């Protein structure tokens, strides 16, 4: 694997991780505790879809 492709893949993974943390933080802010599990499950499904695996 070329070093440039490895850097692109690593950058893509970092972007996905940052997006997951940002979405989760925004979604959980100000929510009731009973809704948090539903939100976390939805964020996990979204991240799986973005990565292309189910």
Protein backbone atom coordinates (compact mmCIF):
# COMPACT_ATOMS: atom_id res chain seq x y z
CA UNK A 1 0.00 0.00 0.00
CA UNK A 2 1.23 3.39 -0.91
CA UNK A 3 1.97 5.77 1.97
CA UNK A 4 -0.42 8.35 0.48
CA UNK A 5 -3.32 5.88 0.44
CA UNK A 6 -2.58 4.95 4.03
CA UNK A 7 -2.68 8.63 4.99
CA UNK A 8 -6.00 9.11 3.17
CA UNK A 9 -7.51 6.09 4.91
CA UNK A 10 -6.28 7.26 8.29
CA UNK A 11 -7.66 10.74 7.68
CA UNK A 12 -11.02 9.27 6.68
CA UNK A 13 -11.14 7.18 9.82
CA UNK A 14 -10.28 10.21 11.93
CA UNK A 15 -13.05 12.23 10.29
CA UNK A 16 -15.58 9.48 11.01
CA UNK A 17 -14.48 9.28 14.63
CA UNK A 18 -14.73 13.04 15.09
CA UNK A 19 -18.15 13.05 13.43
CA UNK A 20 -19.38 10.29 15.73
CA UNK A 21 -18.24 12.17 18.82
CA UNK A 22 -19.69 15.47 17.61
CA UNK A 23 -23.06 13.99 16.64
CA UNK A 24 -23.31 12.11 19.91
CA UNK A 25 -22.42 15.16 21.96
CA UNK A 26 -24.93 17.36 20.18
CA UNK A 27 -27.66 14.74 20.35
CA UNK A 28 -27.22 14.00 24.04
CA UNK A 29 -27.12 17.60 25.16
CA UNK A 30 -30.36 18.41 26.95
CA UNK A 31 -32.06 15.03 26.45
CA UNK A 32 -33.83 12.97 29.04
CA UNK A 33 -32.04 9.88 30.28
CA UNK A 34 -34.63 7.49 28.82
CA UNK A 35 -33.95 8.87 25.32
CA UNK A 36 -30.17 8.52 25.42
CA UNK A 37 -30.04 4.82 24.57
CA UNK A 38 -32.21 5.38 21.50
CA UNK A 39 -30.00 8.25 20.36
CA UNK A 40 -26.78 6.28 20.86
CA UNK A 41 -28.20 3.34 18.91
CA UNK A 42 -29.20 5.63 16.03
CA UNK A 43 -25.74 7.23 15.93
CA UNK A 44 -24.11 3.78 15.89
CA UNK A 45 -26.32 2.72 12.96
CA UNK A 46 -25.47 5.93 11.10
CA UNK A 47 -21.74 5.38 11.56
CA UNK A 48 -22.07 1.78 10.33
CA UNK A 49 -23.86 3.03 7.22
CA UNK A 50 -21.19 5.66 6.57
CA UNK A 51 -18.46 3.04 6.86
CA UNK A 52 -20.30 0.75 4.48
CA UNK A 53 -20.70 -2.20 6.83
CA UNK A 54 -23.85 -3.43 8.49
